[in-house]
C-alpha atoms as a PDB file:
ATOM      1  CA  MET A   1      81.562 124.642  93.730  1.00  0.00           C
ATOM      2  CA  ASN A   2      83.827 122.206  95.567  1.00  0.00           C
ATOM      3  CA  TRP A   3      81.606 119.733  97.397  1.00  0.00           C
ATOM      4  CA  GLU A   4      84.618 118.363  99.311  1.00  0.00           C
ATOM      5  CA  ILE A   5      84.604 121.420 101.623  1.00  0.00           C
ATOM      6  CA  VAL A   6      80.866 121.304 102.354  1.00  0.00           C
ATOM      7  CA  SER A   7      79.648 119.782 105.624  1.00  0.00           C
ATOM      8  CA  VAL A   8      78.968 116.046 105.339  1.00  0.00           C
ATOM      9  CA  ASN A   9      75.377 114.913 105.069  1.00  0.00           C
ATOM     10  CA  PRO A  10      74.490 113.081 108.344  1.00  0.00           C
ATOM     11  CA  SER A  11      73.409 110.058 106.295  1.00  0.00           C
ATOM     12  CA  ASN A  12      77.025 109.789 105.049  1.00  0.00           C
ATOM     13  CA  LYS A  13      78.447 109.541 108.581  1.00  0.00           C
ATOM     14  CA  ILE A  14      78.963 105.800 108.286  1.00  0.00           C
ATOM     15  CA  TRP A  15      82.473 105.275 109.725  1.00  0.00           C
ATOM     16  CA  ASN A  16      82.752 103.466 113.062  1.00  0.00           C
ATOM     17  CA  TRP A  17      85.717 102.623 115.291  1.00  0.00           C
ATOM     18  CA  LYS A  18      86.536  99.492 113.279  1.00  0.00           C
ATOM     19  CA  ASP A  19      86.840 101.532 110.091  1.00  0.00           C
ATOM     20  CA  LEU A  20      89.110 104.049 111.836  1.00  0.00           C
ATOM     21  CA  PHE A  21      91.186 101.205 113.286  1.00  0.00           C
ATOM     22  CA  CYS A  22      91.660  99.855 109.768  1.00  0.00           C
ATOM     23  CA  PHE A  23      92.641 103.373 108.665  1.00  0.00           C
ATOM     24  CA  TRP A  24      95.345 103.382 111.350  1.00  0.00           C
ATOM     25  CA  GLY A  25      96.347  99.795 110.594  1.00  0.00           C
ATOM     26  CA  SER A  26      96.732 100.426 106.876  1.00  0.00           C
ATOM     27  CA  ASN A  27      99.081 103.336 107.651  1.00  0.00           C
ATOM     28  CA  ILE A  28     101.178 101.316 110.108  1.00  0.00           C
ATOM     29  CA  GLN A  29     101.408  98.081 108.136  1.00  0.00           C
ATOM     30  CA  SER A  30     102.922  99.504 104.972  1.00  0.00           C
ATOM     31  CA  ILE A  31     106.174  99.021 103.088  1.00  0.00           C
ATOM     32  CA  ILE A  32     107.315 102.506 104.101  1.00  0.00           C
ATOM     33  CA  GLY A  33     106.422 101.890 107.754  1.00  0.00           C
ATOM     34  CA  PHE A  34     108.211  98.549 107.771  1.00  0.00           C
ATOM     35  CA  SER A  35     111.264 100.120 106.134  1.00  0.00           C
ATOM     36  CA  LEU A  36     111.350 102.882 108.754  1.00  0.00           C
ATOM     37  CA  ILE A  37     111.130 100.526 111.725  1.00  0.00           C
ATOM     38  CA  ALA A  38     113.489  97.935 110.234  1.00  0.00           C
ATOM     39  CA  SER A  39     116.128 100.603 109.546  1.00  0.00           C
ATOM     40  CA  LEU A  40     116.208 101.455 113.257  1.00  0.00           C
ATOM     41  CA  TYR A  41     117.172  97.853 114.051  1.00  0.00           C
ATOM     42  CA  LEU A  42     119.361  96.987 111.066  1.00  0.00           C
ATOM     43  CA  VAL A  43     121.059 100.257 110.100  1.00  0.00           C
ATOM     44  CA  TYR A  44     121.392 101.967 113.480  1.00  0.00           C
ATOM     45  CA  GLN A  45     121.476  98.706 115.492  1.00  0.00           C
ATOM     46  CA  LEU A  46     119.406 100.169 118.308  1.00  0.00           C
ATOM     47  CA  ASN A  47     118.177  98.252 121.324  1.00  0.00           C
ATOM     48  CA  PHE A  48     114.892  96.384 120.913  1.00  0.00           C
ATOM     49  CA  PHE A  49     113.266  98.102 123.895  1.00  0.00           C
ATOM     50  CA  VAL A  50     114.498 101.536 122.843  1.00  0.00           C
ATOM     51  CA  VAL A  51     112.817 101.184 119.438  1.00  0.00           C
ATOM     52  CA  LEU A  52     109.647  99.645 120.893  1.00  0.00           C
ATOM     53  CA  THR A  53     109.292 102.299 123.623  1.00  0.00           C
ATOM     54  CA  GLY A  54     110.038 105.121 121.178  1.00  0.00           C
ATOM     55  CA  CYS A  55     107.357 103.847 118.784  1.00  0.00           C
ATOM     56  CA  VAL A  56     104.799 103.580 121.613  1.00  0.00           C
ATOM     57  CA  VAL A  57     105.567 107.115 122.851  1.00  0.00           C
ATOM     58  CA  GLY A  58     105.329 108.461 119.295  1.00  0.00           C
ATOM     59  CA  SER A  59     102.037 106.614 118.785  1.00  0.00           C
ATOM     60  CA  LEU A  60     100.558 108.175 121.922  1.00  0.00           C
ATOM     61  CA  PHE A  61     101.385 111.663 120.641  1.00  0.00           C
ATOM     62  CA  VAL A  62      99.852 110.794 117.266  1.00  0.00           C
ATOM     63  CA  TYR A  63      96.723 109.548 119.057  1.00  0.00           C
ATOM     64  CA  VAL A  64      96.350 112.709 121.173  1.00  0.00           C
ATOM     65  CA  PHE A  65      96.807 115.159 118.307  1.00  0.00           C
ATOM     66  CA  SER A  66      94.674 113.098 115.903  1.00  0.00           C
ATOM     67  CA  ASN A  67      91.795 113.216 118.372  1.00  0.00           C
ATOM     68  CA  LEU A  68      92.218 116.963 118.898  1.00  0.00           C
ATOM     69  CA  ILE A  69      92.083 117.591 115.148  1.00  0.00           C
ATOM     70  CA  GLY A  70      89.430 114.959 114.498  1.00  0.00           C
ATOM     71  CA  LYS A  71      86.931 116.209 117.098  1.00  0.00           C
ATOM     72  CA  PRO A  72      85.727 119.451 115.401  1.00  0.00           C
ATOM     73  CA  SER A  73      85.709 117.793 111.978  1.00  0.00           C
ATOM     74  CA  GLN A  74      83.526 114.972 113.299  1.00  0.00           C
ATOM     75  CA  LYS A  75      81.159 117.373 115.036  1.00  0.00           C
ATOM     76  CA  LEU A  76      80.771 119.826 112.145  1.00  0.00           C
ATOM     77  CA  GLY A  77      81.354 117.397 109.257  1.00  0.00           C
ATOM     78  CA  ILE A  78      84.023 119.578 107.667  1.00  0.00           C
ATOM     79  CA  PRO A  79      87.616 118.809 106.583  1.00  0.00           C
ATOM     80  CA  PHE A  80      90.595 120.176 108.500  1.00  0.00           C
ATOM     81  CA  PRO A  81      91.448 123.077 106.107  1.00  0.00           C
ATOM     82  CA  VAL A  82      87.896 124.433 106.415  1.00  0.00           C
ATOM     83  CA  PHE A  83      88.028 124.273 110.217  1.00  0.00           C
ATOM     84  CA  LEU A  84      91.289 126.279 110.107  1.00  0.00           C
ATOM     85  CA  ARG A  85      89.332 129.254 108.744  1.00  0.00           C
ATOM     86  CA  LEU A  86      88.125 129.907 112.295  1.00  0.00           C
ATOM     87  CA  SER A  87      91.599 130.888 113.431  1.00  0.00           C
ATOM     88  CA  MET A  88      93.495 131.701 110.234  1.00  0.00           C
ATOM     89  CA  GLY A  89      90.878 133.083 107.879  1.00  0.00           C
ATOM     90  CA  VAL A  90      90.183 131.888 104.357  1.00  0.00           C
ATOM     91  CA  TYR A  91      93.586 132.821 102.911  1.00  0.00           C
ATOM     92  CA  GLY A  92      95.533 131.483 105.894  1.00  0.00           C
ATOM     93  CA  ALA A  93      93.657 128.199 105.666  1.00  0.00           C
ATOM     94  CA  LYS A  94      94.412 128.046 101.932  1.00  0.00           C
ATOM     95  CA  TYR A  95      98.121 128.510 102.666  1.00  0.00           C
ATOM     96  CA  VAL A  96      98.154 125.648 105.191  1.00  0.00           C
ATOM     97  CA  ALA A  97      96.091 123.482 102.834  1.00  0.00           C
ATOM     98  CA  MET A  98      98.624 124.168 100.068  1.00  0.00           C
ATOM     99  CA  LEU A  99     101.506 123.107 102.345  1.00  0.00           C
ATOM    100  CA  ARG A 100      99.572 119.987 103.267  1.00  0.00           C
ATOM    101  CA  GLY A 101      98.983 119.304  99.595  1.00  0.00           C
ATOM    102  CA  ILE A 102     102.714 119.575  98.828  1.00  0.00           C
ATOM    103  CA  VAL A 103     103.493 117.060 101.585  1.00  0.00           C
ATOM    104  CA  GLY A 104     100.682 114.865 100.270  1.00  0.00           C
ATOM    105  CA  ILE A 105     102.168 114.949  96.771  1.00  0.00           C
ATOM    106  CA  PHE A 106     105.544 113.914  98.189  1.00  0.00           C
ATOM    107  CA  MET A 107     103.997 111.030 100.160  1.00  0.00           C
ATOM    108  CA  PHE A 108     101.997 109.991  97.091  1.00  0.00           C
ATOM    109  CA  GLY A 109     105.242 109.941  95.096  1.00  0.00           C
ATOM    110  CA  VAL A 110     106.982 107.770  97.705  1.00  0.00           C
ATOM    111  CA  GLN A 111     103.992 105.429  97.828  1.00  0.00           C
ATOM    112  CA  THR A 112     103.846 105.226  94.033  1.00  0.00           C
ATOM    113  CA  TYR A 113     107.582 104.498  93.853  1.00  0.00           C
ATOM    114  CA  PHE A 114     107.405 101.619  96.336  1.00  0.00           C
ATOM    115  CA  LEU A 115     104.271 100.154  94.768  1.00  0.00           C
ATOM    116  CA  SER A 116     105.592 100.382  91.197  1.00  0.00           C
ATOM    117  CA  LYS A 117     108.900  98.798  92.285  1.00  0.00           C
ATOM    118  CA  SER A 118     107.007  95.922  93.906  1.00  0.00           C
ATOM    119  CA  ILE A 119     105.028  95.345  90.703  1.00  0.00           C
ATOM    120  CA  SER A 120     108.163  95.509  88.535  1.00  0.00           C
ATOM    121  CA  TYR A 121     109.883  92.921  90.769  1.00  0.00           C
ATOM    122  CA  LEU A 122     106.883  90.600  90.465  1.00  0.00           C
ATOM    123  CA  ILE A 123     106.973  90.943  86.675  1.00  0.00           C
ATOM    124  CA  ARG A 124     110.723  90.206  86.600  1.00  0.00           C
ATOM    125  CA  ILE A 125     110.306  87.171  88.845  1.00  0.00           C
ATOM    126  CA  SER A 126     107.474  85.883  86.630  1.00  0.00           C
ATOM    127  CA  PHE A 127     109.534  86.349  83.448  1.00  0.00           C
ATOM    128  CA  PHE A 128     112.591  84.752  85.023  1.00  0.00           C
ATOM    129  CA  SER A 129     110.587  81.709  86.176  1.00  0.00           C
ATOM    130  CA  ILE A 130     109.392  81.205  82.592  1.00  0.00           C
ATOM    131  CA  ASP A 131     112.747  81.826  80.887  1.00  0.00           C
ATOM    132  CA  SER A 132     115.908  82.744  82.815  1.00  0.00           C
ATOM    133  CA  THR A 133     117.412  84.481  79.761  1.00  0.00           C
ATOM    134  CA  ILE A 134     114.427  86.594  78.688  1.00  0.00           C
ATOM    135  CA  LEU A 135     115.504  89.622  80.757  1.00  0.00           C
ATOM    136  CA  ASP A 136     118.791  89.776  78.819  1.00  0.00           C
ATOM    137  CA  LYS A 137     117.009  90.667  75.576  1.00  0.00           C
ATOM    138  CA  ASP A 138     117.701  94.112  74.090  1.00  0.00           C
ATOM    139  CA  ILE A 139     114.200  95.450  74.729  1.00  0.00           C
ATOM    140  CA  PHE A 140     114.705  95.128  78.485  1.00  0.00           C
ATOM    141  CA  LEU A 141     118.107  96.858  78.346  1.00  0.00           C
ATOM    142  CA  LEU A 142     116.765 100.117  76.886  1.00  0.00           C
ATOM    143  CA  PHE A 143     116.335 102.826  79.527  1.00  0.00           C
ATOM    144  CA  PHE A 144     114.541 106.195  79.488  1.00  0.00           C
ATOM    145  CA  MET A 145     114.980 108.453  82.542  1.00  0.00           C
ATOM    146  CA  GLY A 146     116.379 105.478  84.428  1.00  0.00           C
ATOM    147  CA  LEU A 147     113.408 103.235  83.630  1.00  0.00           C
ATOM    148  CA  ASN A 148     113.279 100.278  81.293  1.00  0.00           C
ATOM    149  CA  ILE A 149     110.070  98.985  79.726  1.00  0.00           C
ATOM    150  CA  ILE A 150     109.102  96.957  82.817  1.00  0.00           C
ATOM    151  CA  ASP A 151     109.672  99.855  85.213  1.00  0.00           C
ATOM    152  CA  GLY A 152     107.835 102.268  82.904  1.00  0.00           C
ATOM    153  CA  PHE A 153     104.833  99.960  82.580  1.00  0.00           C
ATOM    154  CA  SER A 154     104.750  99.418  86.361  1.00  0.00           C
ATOM    155  CA  LEU A 155     104.829 103.162  87.041  1.00  0.00           C
ATOM    156  CA  ILE A 156     102.037 103.965  84.563  1.00  0.00           C
ATOM    157  CA  PHE A 157      99.922 101.053  85.817  1.00  0.00           C
ATOM    158  CA  THR A 158     100.409 102.173  89.443  1.00  0.00           C
ATOM    159  CA  LEU A 159      99.344 105.750  88.656  1.00  0.00           C
ATOM    160  CA  TRP A 160      96.272 104.530  86.746  1.00  0.00           C
ATOM    161  CA  PHE A 161      95.318 102.053  89.478  1.00  0.00           C
ATOM    162  CA  GLN A 162      95.596 104.650  92.241  1.00  0.00           C
ATOM    163  CA  TYR A 163      93.561 107.128  90.210  1.00  0.00           C
ATOM    164  CA  LEU A 164      90.757 104.557  90.009  1.00  0.00           C
ATOM    165  CA  LEU A 165      90.935 104.001  93.768  1.00  0.00           C
ATOM    166  CA  PHE A 166      90.973 107.650  94.819  1.00  0.00           C
ATOM    167  CA  SER A 167      88.293 108.884  92.409  1.00  0.00           C
ATOM    168  CA  ASN A 168      85.466 106.653  93.654  1.00  0.00           C
ATOM    169  CA  GLY A 169      84.487 108.522  96.832  1.00  0.00           C
ATOM    170  CA  GLN A 170      84.885 107.886 100.544  1.00  0.00           C
ATOM    171  CA  ARG A 171      82.578 104.830 100.670  1.00  0.00           C
ATOM    172  CA  PHE A 172      84.769 102.952  98.217  1.00  0.00           C
ATOM    173  CA  ILE A 173      87.948 104.162  99.946  1.00  0.00           C
ATOM    174  CA  LYS A 174      86.549 102.895 103.273  1.00  0.00           C
ATOM    175  CA  SER A 175      85.973  99.467 101.745  1.00  0.00           C
ATOM    176  CA  ILE A 176      89.494  99.399 100.261  1.00  0.00           C
ATOM    177  CA  ILE A 177      91.062 100.433 103.595  1.00  0.00           C
ATOM    178  CA  ASN A 178      89.129  97.750 105.496  1.00  0.00           C
ATOM    179  CA  PHE A 179      89.982  95.046 102.969  1.00  0.00           C
ATOM    180  CA  SER A 180      93.674  95.947 102.731  1.00  0.00           C
ATOM    181  CA  THR A 181      94.130  96.098 106.512  1.00  0.00           C
ATOM    182  CA  LEU A 182      92.454  92.748 107.150  1.00  0.00           C
ATOM    183  CA  PHE A 183      94.317  91.217 104.208  1.00  0.00           C
ATOM    184  CA  VAL A 184      97.696  92.472 105.466  1.00  0.00           C
ATOM    185  CA  TYR A 185      97.074  91.391 109.065  1.00  0.00           C
ATOM    186  CA  LEU A 186      95.927  87.965 107.911  1.00  0.00           C
ATOM    187  CA  GLY A 187      99.117  87.689 105.852  1.00  0.00           C
ATOM    188  CA  LEU A 188     101.200  88.748 108.859  1.00  0.00           C
ATOM    189  CA  ILE A 189      99.564  86.108 111.055  1.00  0.00           C
ATOM    190  CA  ILE A 190     100.141  83.373 108.450  1.00  0.00           C
ATOM    191  CA  PHE A 191     103.752  84.515 107.963  1.00  0.00           C
ATOM    192  CA  PHE A 192     104.280  84.556 111.745  1.00  0.00           C
ATOM    193  CA  ILE A 193     102.914  81.011 112.119  1.00  0.00           C
ATOM    194  CA  ILE A 194     105.126  79.715 109.281  1.00  0.00           C
ATOM    195  CA  LEU A 195     108.156  81.499 110.729  1.00  0.00           C
ATOM    196  CA  ILE A 196     107.573  80.075 114.215  1.00  0.00           C
ATOM    197  CA  LYS A 197     106.920  76.591 112.844  1.00  0.00           C
ATOM    198  CA  GLU A 198     110.109  76.407 110.759  1.00  0.00           C
ATOM    199  CA  ASN A 199     112.541  78.425 112.908  1.00  0.00           C
ATOM    200  CA  HIS A 200     111.158  78.325 116.449  1.00  0.00           C
ATOM    201  CA  ASN A 201     114.464  77.425 118.133  1.00  0.00           C
ATOM    202  CA  GLU A 202     116.386  80.286 116.508  1.00  0.00           C
ATOM    203  CA  ILE A 203     113.560  82.752 117.195  1.00  0.00           C
ATOM    204  CA  PHE A 204     113.347  81.860 120.880  1.00  0.00           C
ATOM    205  CA  LEU A 205     117.122  82.307 121.210  1.00  0.00           C
ATOM    206  CA  VAL A 206     116.973  85.721 119.532  1.00  0.00           C
ATOM    207  CA  PHE A 207     114.118  86.886 121.754  1.00  0.00           C
ATOM    208  CA  ASN A 208     115.940  85.599 124.803  1.00  0.00           C
ATOM    209  CA  ASP A 209     118.959  87.726 123.879  1.00  0.00           C
ATOM    210  CA  LEU A 210     116.753  90.756 123.242  1.00  0.00           C
ATOM    211  CA  PHE A 211     115.162  90.587 126.662  1.00  0.00           C
ATOM    212  CA  LYS A 212     118.533  90.192 128.335  1.00  0.00           C
ATOM    213  CA  ASN A 213     119.846  93.419 126.790  1.00  0.00           C
ATOM    214  CA  ASN A 214     117.033  95.652 127.975  1.00  0.00           C
ATOM    215  CA  ILE A 215     119.051  98.464 129.542  1.00  0.00           C
ATOM    216  CA  ILE A 216     117.494 101.639 128.158  1.00  0.00           C
ATOM    217  CA  TYR A 217     118.021 104.081 130.994  1.00  0.00           C
ATOM    218  CA  ASN A 218     121.478 105.362 130.077  1.00  0.00           C
ATOM    219  CA  LYS A 219     121.926 108.755 128.410  1.00  0.00           C
ATOM    220  CA  GLU A 220     122.579 107.424 124.899  1.00  0.00           C
ATOM    221  CA  SER A 221     119.526 105.177 124.948  1.00  0.00           C
ATOM    222  CA  LEU A 222     117.229 107.937 126.218  1.00  0.00           C
ATOM    223  CA  LEU A 223     118.427 110.287 123.479  1.00  0.00           C
ATOM    224  CA  ALA A 224     117.801 107.555 120.907  1.00  0.00           C
ATOM    225  CA  LEU A 225     114.349 106.938 122.408  1.00  0.00           C
ATOM    226  CA  PHE A 226     113.354 110.604 122.049  1.00  0.00           C
ATOM    227  CA  SER A 227     114.750 110.668 118.504  1.00  0.00           C
ATOM    228  CA  ILE A 228     112.705 107.598 117.548  1.00  0.00           C
ATOM    229  CA  ALA A 229     109.542 109.042 119.119  1.00  0.00           C
ATOM    230  CA  GLY A 230     110.107 112.299 117.231  1.00  0.00           C
ATOM    231  CA  THR A 231     110.784 110.478 113.954  1.00  0.00           C
ATOM    232  CA  PHE A 232     107.686 108.322 114.405  1.00  0.00           C
ATOM    233  CA  PHE A 233     105.560 111.389 115.178  1.00  0.00           C
ATOM    234  CA  ALA A 234     106.986 113.300 112.201  1.00  0.00           C
ATOM    235  CA  TYR A 235     106.365 110.343 109.881  1.00  0.00           C
ATOM    236  CA  PHE A 236     102.695 110.176 110.918  1.00  0.00           C
ATOM    237  CA  SER A 237     102.189 113.940 110.986  1.00  0.00           C
ATOM    238  CA  ILE A 238     100.653 113.602 107.517  1.00  0.00           C
ATOM    239  CA  VAL A 239      98.050 111.297 109.096  1.00  0.00           C
ATOM    240  CA  ILE A 240      97.350 113.866 111.831  1.00  0.00           C
ATOM    241  CA  VAL A 241      96.716 116.824 109.513  1.00  0.00           C
ATOM    242  CA  ASN A 242      94.541 114.639 107.265  1.00  0.00           C
ATOM    243  CA  PHE A 243      92.616 112.899 110.024  1.00  0.00           C
ATOM    244  CA  GLY A 244      89.785 115.433 110.031  1.00  0.00           C
ATOM    245  CA  ASP A 245      89.050 114.491 106.425  1.00  0.00           C
ATOM    246  CA  PHE A 246      88.226 110.987 107.664  1.00  0.00           C
ATOM    247  CA  SER A 247      86.800 111.676 111.140  1.00  0.00           C
ATOM    248  CA  ARG A 248      84.091 113.905 109.602  1.00  0.00           C
ATOM    249  CA  TYR A 249      82.499 110.687 108.325  1.00  0.00           C
ATOM    250  CA  ALA A 250      82.510 109.094 111.814  1.00  0.00           C
ATOM    251  CA  LYS A 251      79.174 108.422 113.497  1.00  0.00           C
ATOM    252  CA  SER A 252      80.149 109.978 116.845  1.00  0.00           C
ATOM    253  CA  GLN A 253      83.086 111.272 118.822  1.00  0.00           C
ATOM    254  CA  SER A 254      83.133 108.116 120.948  1.00  0.00           C
ATOM    255  CA  GLU A 255      83.754 106.108 117.764  1.00  0.00           C
ATOM    256  CA  VAL A 256      86.726 108.384 116.993  1.00  0.00           C
ATOM    257  CA  ASN A 257      88.129 108.042 120.515  1.00  0.00           C
END
């Protein structure tokens, strides 16, 4: 029997709005999220207000649909695929759950790639700070499937570490989400203060230029705005279809809202 599809025991409904906020925050403040938003500015060179407005519009759609999907799961204590049985039957719900699983595997792969790359860079920086020539040794120049020994170790370590995280139940996952969100936001605040302190003149000039070029009502800008909102919504669609799996642990619907 799969206990993951059984209704949650009321004593396990321990998530409140702060936990769900951290769930949202940990999805937003990620390497992939930063890369997506930064690419809109750097690669496509879009207007500041176009990107900001598009992200806000996309977020509102994510909020609406997350609440729609999260409401029955919170009330009944069941995950989203089980709730789908009402309209699609058992086999239809299994089909949608399989599609969701495939997307989840893809997102897990992307997440694992970014995390393992970050670890491999930290290892290289550490080795280089000890001895600038150590990375030129033969052992680090041997590659298998595009990975050398550092990349291979980082990938295996990342897979093992994530397995430990995801196999400890929702209470542990809640604690990890809360810690990581607060840790990241604290780091962002410290980074922001340092950035303002050391480069405040340049930053004020940049922001001044951004607010001068705030024309977003022409045809090209509106098309870009809708594209950004759609991209943002599509990126977080995996959060929407998985939200019921988290909202079922919420204490009440008001906490979810």
